[in-house]
N, C-alpha and C. Protein backbone atom coordinates (compact mmCIF):
# COMPACT_ATOMS: atom_id res chain seq x y z
N MET A 1 -23.13 -2.63 -13.36
CA MET A 1 -23.33 -1.97 -12.09
C MET A 1 -23.60 -3.04 -11.03
N PRO A 2 -22.91 -2.96 -9.89
CA PRO A 2 -23.15 -3.95 -8.85
C PRO A 2 -24.57 -3.86 -8.30
N ASP A 3 -25.03 -4.95 -7.74
CA ASP A 3 -26.37 -5.00 -7.16
C ASP A 3 -26.29 -4.43 -5.74
N ARG A 4 -26.45 -3.11 -5.64
CA ARG A 4 -26.34 -2.44 -4.35
C ARG A 4 -27.48 -2.83 -3.41
N ASP A 5 -28.64 -3.13 -3.97
CA ASP A 5 -29.75 -3.57 -3.11
C ASP A 5 -29.40 -4.87 -2.41
N PHE A 6 -28.71 -5.77 -3.09
CA PHE A 6 -28.27 -7.02 -2.48
C PHE A 6 -27.34 -6.74 -1.30
N LEU A 7 -26.41 -5.78 -1.47
CA LEU A 7 -25.46 -5.45 -0.40
C LEU A 7 -26.13 -4.80 0.81
N ARG A 8 -27.25 -4.12 0.59
CA ARG A 8 -27.93 -3.44 1.69
C ARG A 8 -28.51 -4.40 2.74
N GLN A 9 -28.60 -5.65 2.41
CA GLN A 9 -29.13 -6.62 3.38
C GLN A 9 -28.15 -6.92 4.50
N PHE A 10 -26.87 -6.60 4.29
CA PHE A 10 -25.85 -6.94 5.27
C PHE A 10 -25.66 -5.83 6.29
N ASP A 11 -25.41 -6.22 7.53
CA ASP A 11 -25.15 -5.22 8.56
C ASP A 11 -23.74 -4.66 8.38
N LYS A 12 -23.47 -3.59 9.11
CA LYS A 12 -22.20 -2.86 8.97
C LYS A 12 -20.99 -3.76 9.23
N GLU A 13 -21.03 -4.58 10.27
CA GLU A 13 -19.90 -5.46 10.59
C GLU A 13 -19.64 -6.47 9.47
N THR A 14 -20.70 -7.00 8.89
CA THR A 14 -20.54 -7.95 7.78
C THR A 14 -19.92 -7.26 6.58
N LEU A 15 -20.37 -6.04 6.29
CA LEU A 15 -19.80 -5.29 5.16
C LEU A 15 -18.32 -4.98 5.40
N ILE A 16 -17.96 -4.64 6.63
CA ILE A 16 -16.54 -4.39 6.94
C ILE A 16 -15.74 -5.67 6.73
N SER A 17 -16.27 -6.80 7.19
CA SER A 17 -15.59 -8.08 7.00
C SER A 17 -15.46 -8.42 5.52
N MET A 18 -16.48 -8.10 4.75
CA MET A 18 -16.43 -8.35 3.30
C MET A 18 -15.34 -7.48 2.65
N LEU A 19 -15.20 -6.25 3.11
CA LEU A 19 -14.15 -5.36 2.61
C LEU A 19 -12.77 -5.93 2.94
N GLU A 20 -12.61 -6.42 4.17
CA GLU A 20 -11.34 -7.04 4.56
C GLU A 20 -11.05 -8.26 3.70
N ASP A 21 -12.05 -9.09 3.45
CA ASP A 21 -11.87 -10.26 2.59
C ASP A 21 -11.48 -9.84 1.17
N ALA A 22 -12.12 -8.79 0.66
CA ALA A 22 -11.77 -8.32 -0.69
C ALA A 22 -10.32 -7.86 -0.74
N ALA A 23 -9.87 -7.16 0.31
CA ALA A 23 -8.48 -6.72 0.36
C ALA A 23 -7.53 -7.91 0.42
N LYS A 24 -7.87 -8.92 1.21
CA LYS A 24 -7.04 -10.14 1.29
C LYS A 24 -7.01 -10.85 -0.06
N ASN A 25 -8.15 -10.92 -0.73
CA ASN A 25 -8.20 -11.57 -2.05
C ASN A 25 -7.33 -10.82 -3.05
N TRP A 26 -7.41 -9.48 -3.02
CA TRP A 26 -6.57 -8.67 -3.91
C TRP A 26 -5.10 -8.96 -3.66
N LEU A 27 -4.70 -9.00 -2.39
CA LEU A 27 -3.30 -9.24 -2.06
C LEU A 27 -2.88 -10.66 -2.44
N ALA A 28 -3.77 -11.63 -2.24
CA ALA A 28 -3.46 -13.00 -2.63
C ALA A 28 -3.25 -13.09 -4.15
N HIS A 29 -4.10 -12.42 -4.91
CA HIS A 29 -3.94 -12.43 -6.36
C HIS A 29 -2.61 -11.79 -6.75
N ASP A 30 -2.27 -10.67 -6.14
CA ASP A 30 -1.00 -9.99 -6.42
C ASP A 30 0.17 -10.94 -6.16
N GLY A 31 0.13 -11.64 -5.03
CA GLY A 31 1.21 -12.57 -4.69
C GLY A 31 1.28 -13.75 -5.64
N LEU A 32 0.14 -14.31 -6.00
CA LEU A 32 0.12 -15.45 -6.92
C LEU A 32 0.62 -15.04 -8.31
N TRP A 33 0.22 -13.85 -8.75
CA TRP A 33 0.70 -13.33 -10.03
C TRP A 33 2.22 -13.21 -10.00
N PHE A 34 2.74 -12.63 -8.93
CA PHE A 34 4.18 -12.44 -8.79
C PHE A 34 4.91 -13.78 -8.82
N GLN A 35 4.41 -14.75 -8.08
CA GLN A 35 5.05 -16.07 -8.03
C GLN A 35 5.03 -16.76 -9.39
N ALA A 36 3.94 -16.59 -10.14
CA ALA A 36 3.87 -17.19 -11.48
C ALA A 36 4.91 -16.57 -12.41
N VAL A 37 5.04 -15.25 -12.37
CA VAL A 37 6.05 -14.58 -13.20
C VAL A 37 7.45 -15.02 -12.77
N GLU A 38 7.67 -15.11 -11.46
CA GLU A 38 8.97 -15.54 -10.96
C GLU A 38 9.31 -16.95 -11.45
N ARG A 39 8.35 -17.88 -11.39
CA ARG A 39 8.59 -19.26 -11.85
C ARG A 39 8.95 -19.31 -13.33
N HIS A 40 8.26 -18.51 -14.12
CA HIS A 40 8.46 -18.57 -15.58
C HIS A 40 9.63 -17.74 -16.07
N PHE A 41 9.90 -16.60 -15.43
CA PHE A 41 10.88 -15.66 -15.97
C PHE A 41 12.00 -15.27 -15.01
N GLY A 42 11.90 -15.70 -13.73
CA GLY A 42 12.93 -15.38 -12.75
C GLY A 42 12.56 -14.20 -11.88
N MET A 43 13.28 -14.08 -10.76
CA MET A 43 12.99 -13.06 -9.76
C MET A 43 13.16 -11.65 -10.31
N GLN A 44 14.24 -11.39 -11.05
CA GLN A 44 14.48 -10.02 -11.53
C GLN A 44 13.35 -9.56 -12.45
N ALA A 45 12.91 -10.42 -13.35
CA ALA A 45 11.81 -10.06 -14.25
C ALA A 45 10.52 -9.84 -13.45
N ALA A 46 10.29 -10.68 -12.44
CA ALA A 46 9.08 -10.53 -11.63
C ALA A 46 9.08 -9.19 -10.91
N ILE A 47 10.22 -8.79 -10.38
CA ILE A 47 10.30 -7.50 -9.67
C ILE A 47 10.09 -6.35 -10.65
N GLU A 48 10.71 -6.42 -11.83
CA GLU A 48 10.55 -5.35 -12.81
C GLU A 48 9.10 -5.21 -13.27
N LEU A 49 8.46 -6.34 -13.55
CA LEU A 49 7.06 -6.30 -13.99
C LEU A 49 6.13 -5.88 -12.86
N ASP A 50 6.45 -6.30 -11.64
CA ASP A 50 5.67 -5.89 -10.48
C ASP A 50 5.74 -4.38 -10.30
N ALA A 51 6.93 -3.82 -10.42
CA ALA A 51 7.09 -2.36 -10.29
C ALA A 51 6.29 -1.65 -11.38
N GLU A 52 6.31 -2.19 -12.59
CA GLU A 52 5.55 -1.57 -13.69
C GLU A 52 4.04 -1.58 -13.38
N ALA A 53 3.56 -2.71 -12.87
CA ALA A 53 2.13 -2.81 -12.54
C ALA A 53 1.79 -1.87 -11.38
N TRP A 54 2.63 -1.81 -10.36
CA TRP A 54 2.37 -0.95 -9.21
C TRP A 54 2.39 0.52 -9.60
N GLN A 55 3.21 0.87 -10.55
CA GLN A 55 3.27 2.27 -10.98
C GLN A 55 1.90 2.74 -11.46
N ARG A 56 1.23 1.92 -12.21
CA ARG A 56 -0.11 2.28 -12.70
C ARG A 56 -1.17 2.10 -11.63
N PHE A 57 -1.11 0.95 -10.91
CA PHE A 57 -2.15 0.66 -9.92
C PHE A 57 -2.20 1.72 -8.83
N THR A 58 -1.05 2.13 -8.33
CA THR A 58 -1.03 3.07 -7.21
C THR A 58 -1.66 4.41 -7.59
N GLU A 59 -1.49 4.83 -8.85
CA GLU A 59 -2.13 6.06 -9.32
C GLU A 59 -3.64 5.87 -9.43
N ILE A 60 -4.06 4.73 -9.94
CA ILE A 60 -5.49 4.43 -10.06
C ILE A 60 -6.13 4.40 -8.69
N GLU A 61 -5.49 3.70 -7.74
CA GLU A 61 -6.03 3.61 -6.39
C GLU A 61 -6.15 5.00 -5.76
N ALA A 62 -5.11 5.81 -5.90
CA ALA A 62 -5.13 7.17 -5.33
C ALA A 62 -6.27 7.99 -5.92
N ARG A 63 -6.41 7.96 -7.24
CA ARG A 63 -7.47 8.75 -7.88
C ARG A 63 -8.86 8.30 -7.43
N ARG A 64 -9.07 7.00 -7.32
CA ARG A 64 -10.38 6.50 -6.90
C ARG A 64 -10.67 6.88 -5.45
N ILE A 65 -9.67 6.79 -4.59
CA ILE A 65 -9.85 7.21 -3.20
C ILE A 65 -10.22 8.69 -3.15
N MET A 66 -9.48 9.51 -3.91
CA MET A 66 -9.73 10.95 -3.91
C MET A 66 -11.15 11.26 -4.39
N ARG A 67 -11.55 10.60 -5.46
CA ARG A 67 -12.89 10.86 -6.01
C ARG A 67 -13.98 10.42 -5.03
N ARG A 68 -13.86 9.24 -4.47
CA ARG A 68 -14.89 8.70 -3.57
C ARG A 68 -15.03 9.55 -2.31
N HIS A 69 -13.90 10.06 -1.79
CA HIS A 69 -13.92 10.73 -0.49
C HIS A 69 -13.74 12.24 -0.58
N GLY A 70 -13.82 12.79 -1.79
CA GLY A 70 -13.75 14.24 -1.94
C GLY A 70 -12.41 14.84 -1.55
N ILE A 71 -11.34 14.09 -1.74
CA ILE A 71 -10.01 14.60 -1.43
C ILE A 71 -9.49 15.31 -2.67
N GLN A 72 -9.15 16.58 -2.52
CA GLN A 72 -8.70 17.38 -3.65
C GLN A 72 -7.22 17.14 -3.93
N GLN A 73 -6.87 17.01 -5.23
CA GLN A 73 -5.46 16.90 -5.58
C GLN A 73 -4.78 18.20 -5.17
N GLY A 74 -3.56 18.07 -4.66
CA GLY A 74 -2.83 19.23 -4.19
C GLY A 74 -3.14 19.56 -2.74
N GLY A 75 -3.80 18.64 -2.05
CA GLY A 75 -4.21 18.87 -0.67
C GLY A 75 -3.12 18.67 0.37
N GLY A 76 -1.90 18.44 -0.08
CA GLY A 76 -0.78 18.35 0.84
C GLY A 76 -0.76 17.08 1.67
N LEU A 77 -0.03 17.15 2.77
CA LEU A 77 0.17 16.00 3.63
C LEU A 77 -1.12 15.58 4.34
N GLU A 78 -2.03 16.52 4.57
CA GLU A 78 -3.32 16.16 5.18
C GLU A 78 -4.10 15.25 4.24
N ALA A 79 -4.10 15.57 2.96
CA ALA A 79 -4.79 14.74 1.97
C ALA A 79 -4.12 13.37 1.87
N LEU A 80 -2.79 13.36 1.88
CA LEU A 80 -2.06 12.09 1.82
C LEU A 80 -2.38 11.22 3.02
N GLU A 81 -2.41 11.81 4.20
CA GLU A 81 -2.72 11.04 5.41
C GLU A 81 -4.10 10.40 5.31
N SER A 82 -5.07 11.16 4.87
CA SER A 82 -6.42 10.60 4.71
C SER A 82 -6.42 9.47 3.70
N ALA A 83 -5.78 9.68 2.57
CA ALA A 83 -5.78 8.67 1.50
C ALA A 83 -5.04 7.40 1.92
N LEU A 84 -3.94 7.52 2.65
CA LEU A 84 -3.21 6.34 3.11
C LEU A 84 -4.08 5.47 4.01
N ARG A 85 -4.94 6.10 4.79
CA ARG A 85 -5.83 5.35 5.69
C ARG A 85 -6.94 4.62 4.92
N LEU A 86 -7.14 4.98 3.65
CA LEU A 86 -8.22 4.40 2.86
C LEU A 86 -7.74 3.39 1.82
N ARG A 87 -6.44 3.14 1.76
CA ARG A 87 -5.92 2.15 0.80
C ARG A 87 -6.35 0.74 1.18
N LEU A 88 -6.33 -0.16 0.22
CA LEU A 88 -6.68 -1.55 0.51
C LEU A 88 -5.79 -2.12 1.61
N TYR A 89 -4.51 -1.81 1.57
CA TYR A 89 -3.59 -2.29 2.61
C TYR A 89 -4.07 -1.95 4.02
N ALA A 90 -4.67 -0.78 4.16
CA ALA A 90 -5.06 -0.30 5.48
C ALA A 90 -6.09 -1.21 6.15
N HIS A 91 -6.77 -2.03 5.37
CA HIS A 91 -7.80 -2.91 5.91
C HIS A 91 -7.25 -4.25 6.38
N ILE A 92 -5.98 -4.54 6.06
CA ILE A 92 -5.44 -5.86 6.40
C ILE A 92 -4.06 -5.80 7.05
N ASN A 93 -3.42 -4.66 7.06
CA ASN A 93 -2.12 -4.49 7.70
C ASN A 93 -2.22 -3.42 8.77
N GLU A 94 -1.43 -3.57 9.82
CA GLU A 94 -1.35 -2.52 10.83
C GLU A 94 -0.38 -1.46 10.34
N GLN A 95 -0.77 -0.21 10.46
CA GLN A 95 0.11 0.88 10.04
C GLN A 95 -0.02 2.04 11.02
N THR A 96 1.04 2.82 11.07
CA THR A 96 1.08 4.00 11.94
C THR A 96 1.42 5.20 11.08
N ILE A 97 0.70 6.28 11.29
CA ILE A 97 0.98 7.53 10.59
C ILE A 97 1.21 8.59 11.66
N ARG A 98 2.34 9.27 11.55
CA ARG A 98 2.66 10.34 12.51
C ARG A 98 3.07 11.59 11.76
N ARG A 99 2.90 12.71 12.42
CA ARG A 99 3.30 14.00 11.86
C ARG A 99 4.35 14.62 12.78
N PRO A 100 5.64 14.34 12.55
CA PRO A 100 6.68 14.91 13.41
C PRO A 100 6.71 16.44 13.37
N ASP A 101 6.31 17.01 12.23
CA ASP A 101 6.19 18.46 12.12
C ASP A 101 5.22 18.75 10.97
N GLU A 102 4.92 20.02 10.75
CA GLU A 102 3.89 20.37 9.76
C GLU A 102 4.29 20.07 8.33
N ARG A 103 5.58 19.86 8.06
CA ARG A 103 6.07 19.60 6.70
C ARG A 103 6.41 18.14 6.45
N THR A 104 6.15 17.27 7.45
CA THR A 104 6.58 15.88 7.36
C THR A 104 5.47 14.94 7.81
N LEU A 105 5.32 13.85 7.07
CA LEU A 105 4.43 12.76 7.44
C LEU A 105 5.27 11.49 7.42
N ARG A 106 5.19 10.70 8.48
CA ARG A 106 5.93 9.43 8.56
C ARG A 106 4.92 8.30 8.60
N PHE A 107 5.10 7.35 7.67
CA PHE A 107 4.21 6.20 7.55
C PHE A 107 5.02 4.94 7.85
N GLU A 108 4.51 4.10 8.76
CA GLU A 108 5.15 2.83 9.08
C GLU A 108 4.18 1.69 8.85
N MET A 109 4.65 0.63 8.20
CA MET A 109 3.88 -0.59 8.05
C MET A 109 4.31 -1.51 9.20
N ASN A 110 3.50 -1.53 10.26
CA ASN A 110 3.87 -2.26 11.47
C ASN A 110 3.67 -3.76 11.35
N SER A 111 2.61 -4.17 10.67
CA SER A 111 2.43 -5.59 10.35
C SER A 111 2.14 -5.66 8.86
N CYS A 112 2.76 -6.63 8.21
CA CYS A 112 2.63 -6.79 6.76
C CYS A 112 2.30 -8.25 6.49
N ARG A 113 1.15 -8.50 5.91
CA ARG A 113 0.73 -9.88 5.65
C ARG A 113 1.72 -10.63 4.79
N VAL A 114 2.29 -9.96 3.79
CA VAL A 114 3.25 -10.62 2.90
C VAL A 114 4.47 -11.06 3.70
N GLN A 115 5.08 -10.14 4.42
CA GLN A 115 6.31 -10.45 5.14
C GLN A 115 6.06 -11.45 6.29
N GLU A 116 4.96 -11.30 6.97
CA GLU A 116 4.68 -12.20 8.08
C GLU A 116 4.38 -13.62 7.60
N THR A 117 3.76 -13.75 6.43
CA THR A 117 3.54 -15.08 5.85
C THR A 117 4.88 -15.71 5.49
N ARG A 118 5.77 -14.93 4.90
CA ARG A 118 7.10 -15.44 4.56
C ARG A 118 7.85 -15.88 5.82
N ARG A 119 7.76 -15.10 6.86
CA ARG A 119 8.44 -15.45 8.11
C ARG A 119 7.90 -16.76 8.67
N ARG A 120 6.56 -16.92 8.66
CA ARG A 120 5.96 -18.18 9.15
C ARG A 120 6.44 -19.38 8.35
N LYS A 121 6.69 -19.18 7.07
CA LYS A 121 7.14 -20.27 6.20
C LYS A 121 8.66 -20.47 6.24
N GLY A 122 9.35 -19.68 7.07
CA GLY A 122 10.79 -19.81 7.19
C GLY A 122 11.56 -19.19 6.03
N LEU A 123 10.91 -18.28 5.30
CA LEU A 123 11.55 -17.63 4.15
C LEU A 123 12.15 -16.30 4.58
N PRO A 124 13.16 -15.84 3.84
CA PRO A 124 13.71 -14.52 4.17
C PRO A 124 12.72 -13.41 3.82
N ASP A 125 12.97 -12.22 4.37
CA ASP A 125 12.14 -11.06 4.02
C ASP A 125 12.12 -10.91 2.51
N PHE A 126 10.97 -10.54 1.97
CA PHE A 126 10.89 -10.23 0.55
C PHE A 126 11.48 -8.85 0.32
N ALA A 127 12.40 -8.74 -0.59
CA ALA A 127 13.08 -7.47 -0.88
C ALA A 127 12.16 -6.58 -1.73
N CYS A 128 11.27 -5.87 -1.06
CA CYS A 128 10.24 -5.10 -1.76
C CYS A 128 10.57 -3.62 -1.92
N LYS A 129 11.75 -3.20 -1.52
CA LYS A 129 12.08 -1.78 -1.52
C LYS A 129 11.95 -1.14 -2.90
N SER A 130 12.47 -1.80 -3.94
CA SER A 130 12.43 -1.19 -5.27
C SER A 130 11.00 -0.99 -5.74
N VAL A 131 10.12 -1.92 -5.44
CA VAL A 131 8.71 -1.78 -5.79
C VAL A 131 8.05 -0.75 -4.88
N GLY A 132 8.41 -0.76 -3.59
CA GLY A 132 7.85 0.20 -2.64
C GLY A 132 8.16 1.64 -3.02
N LEU A 133 9.37 1.87 -3.53
CA LEU A 133 9.73 3.22 -3.98
C LEU A 133 8.79 3.70 -5.08
N VAL A 134 8.50 2.81 -6.02
CA VAL A 134 7.57 3.14 -7.10
C VAL A 134 6.16 3.36 -6.54
N GLU A 135 5.74 2.44 -5.70
CA GLU A 135 4.37 2.48 -5.16
C GLU A 135 4.13 3.72 -4.31
N TYR A 136 4.94 3.93 -3.29
CA TYR A 136 4.66 5.03 -2.36
C TYR A 136 4.91 6.40 -2.96
N SER A 137 5.96 6.53 -3.76
CA SER A 137 6.20 7.85 -4.38
C SER A 137 5.11 8.15 -5.41
N GLY A 138 4.66 7.14 -6.16
CA GLY A 138 3.59 7.34 -7.13
C GLY A 138 2.27 7.68 -6.47
N PHE A 139 1.96 7.01 -5.37
CA PHE A 139 0.72 7.29 -4.64
C PHE A 139 0.74 8.73 -4.12
N ALA A 140 1.86 9.11 -3.49
CA ALA A 140 1.96 10.46 -2.92
C ALA A 140 1.88 11.53 -4.01
N ARG A 141 2.56 11.33 -5.14
CA ARG A 141 2.51 12.31 -6.23
C ARG A 141 1.11 12.43 -6.82
N ALA A 142 0.38 11.32 -6.87
CA ALA A 142 -1.00 11.37 -7.39
C ALA A 142 -1.88 12.23 -6.46
N ILE A 143 -1.60 12.21 -5.17
CA ILE A 143 -2.35 13.01 -4.21
C ILE A 143 -1.94 14.48 -4.32
N ASP A 144 -0.61 14.70 -4.37
CA ASP A 144 -0.09 16.06 -4.47
C ASP A 144 1.30 15.99 -5.11
N PRO A 145 1.45 16.52 -6.32
CA PRO A 145 2.73 16.42 -7.04
C PRO A 145 3.92 17.06 -6.31
N ARG A 146 3.65 17.88 -5.31
CA ARG A 146 4.74 18.51 -4.55
C ARG A 146 5.38 17.57 -3.54
N ILE A 147 4.70 16.49 -3.19
CA ILE A 147 5.18 15.61 -2.12
C ILE A 147 6.40 14.82 -2.59
N GLU A 148 7.43 14.85 -1.76
CA GLU A 148 8.63 14.05 -1.98
C GLU A 148 8.62 12.88 -1.02
N THR A 149 9.08 11.72 -1.50
CA THR A 149 9.04 10.48 -0.73
C THR A 149 10.45 9.99 -0.48
N ARG A 150 10.69 9.57 0.76
CA ARG A 150 11.99 9.00 1.13
C ARG A 150 11.74 7.71 1.88
N CYS A 151 12.48 6.68 1.52
CA CYS A 151 12.39 5.41 2.23
C CYS A 151 13.27 5.50 3.47
N ILE A 152 12.70 5.24 4.62
CA ILE A 152 13.48 5.17 5.86
C ILE A 152 14.10 3.79 5.97
N ALA A 153 13.31 2.76 5.75
CA ALA A 153 13.80 1.38 5.73
C ALA A 153 12.74 0.50 5.09
N CYS A 154 13.17 -0.46 4.29
CA CYS A 154 12.27 -1.41 3.64
C CYS A 154 13.13 -2.60 3.21
N PRO A 155 12.67 -3.83 3.44
CA PRO A 155 13.49 -4.96 3.04
C PRO A 155 13.94 -4.85 1.59
N PRO A 156 15.21 -5.08 1.32
CA PRO A 156 16.18 -5.85 2.11
C PRO A 156 16.91 -5.05 3.18
N ASP A 157 16.57 -3.77 3.39
CA ASP A 157 17.21 -3.01 4.46
C ASP A 157 16.91 -3.66 5.81
N PRO A 158 17.84 -3.55 6.74
CA PRO A 158 17.50 -3.96 8.10
C PRO A 158 16.43 -3.01 8.65
N HIS A 159 15.57 -3.53 9.50
CA HIS A 159 14.50 -2.71 10.07
C HIS A 159 14.25 -3.19 11.50
N PRO A 160 13.76 -2.31 12.35
CA PRO A 160 13.45 -2.73 13.72
C PRO A 160 12.22 -3.63 13.74
N GLU A 161 12.01 -4.32 14.83
CA GLU A 161 10.83 -5.18 14.97
C GLU A 161 9.53 -4.37 14.92
N ALA A 162 9.59 -3.08 15.20
CA ALA A 162 8.39 -2.24 15.26
C ALA A 162 7.74 -2.04 13.90
N PHE A 163 8.50 -2.16 12.81
CA PHE A 163 7.91 -2.00 11.48
C PHE A 163 8.69 -2.79 10.44
N TRP A 164 7.98 -3.09 9.34
CA TRP A 164 8.59 -3.75 8.19
C TRP A 164 9.18 -2.73 7.25
N CYS A 165 8.44 -1.67 7.03
CA CYS A 165 8.95 -0.58 6.19
C CYS A 165 8.44 0.73 6.76
N ALA A 166 9.18 1.78 6.44
CA ALA A 166 8.78 3.11 6.89
C ALA A 166 9.14 4.10 5.80
N TRP A 167 8.27 5.09 5.63
CA TRP A 167 8.41 6.08 4.56
C TRP A 167 8.19 7.47 5.14
N GLU A 168 8.91 8.41 4.59
CA GLU A 168 8.76 9.80 5.01
C GLU A 168 8.34 10.62 3.81
N PHE A 169 7.30 11.42 4.01
CA PHE A 169 6.77 12.27 2.96
C PHE A 169 6.93 13.71 3.41
N THR A 170 7.43 14.54 2.52
CA THR A 170 7.62 15.95 2.84
C THR A 170 7.19 16.83 1.66
N ILE A 171 6.85 18.06 2.01
CA ILE A 171 6.64 19.08 0.99
C ILE A 171 7.70 20.13 1.24
N PRO A 172 8.64 20.27 0.29
CA PRO A 172 9.76 21.21 0.51
C PRO A 172 9.30 22.66 0.51
């Protein structure tokens, strides 16, 4: 059990910063793991293993968010919207969530630490669509099995400067 009394000494802003650091550390570990697999086994194997890991992780993350925040499974797009705002990514990437109509939720990743780091290093966009399909559809289904996920654009797809990837969630 973590030492919660130790954490109580920190003010709210420090705790928020610590949460952001934890999210950055998680993402750094994910990237380093991926690069190690790529070096040893090649890009295709790294993508396949990454998708396998994301399939399980995204369900675990969704369930923990739901439990911590009292979000009921089967809560529809409202529950998904709340849960998307509570993911680790939400603390380190800019994202936009819109509701074009009552049956649709559109999620855009406006800034992405992974892609922006690659751009700064002069590397091409990371082709994350195949993993994103696993991640976002799995997360949405864990929140509500009725939710269907569609990729609007995700690298290697061309995308506007306004976002790196965009996803549409609907309940038919």
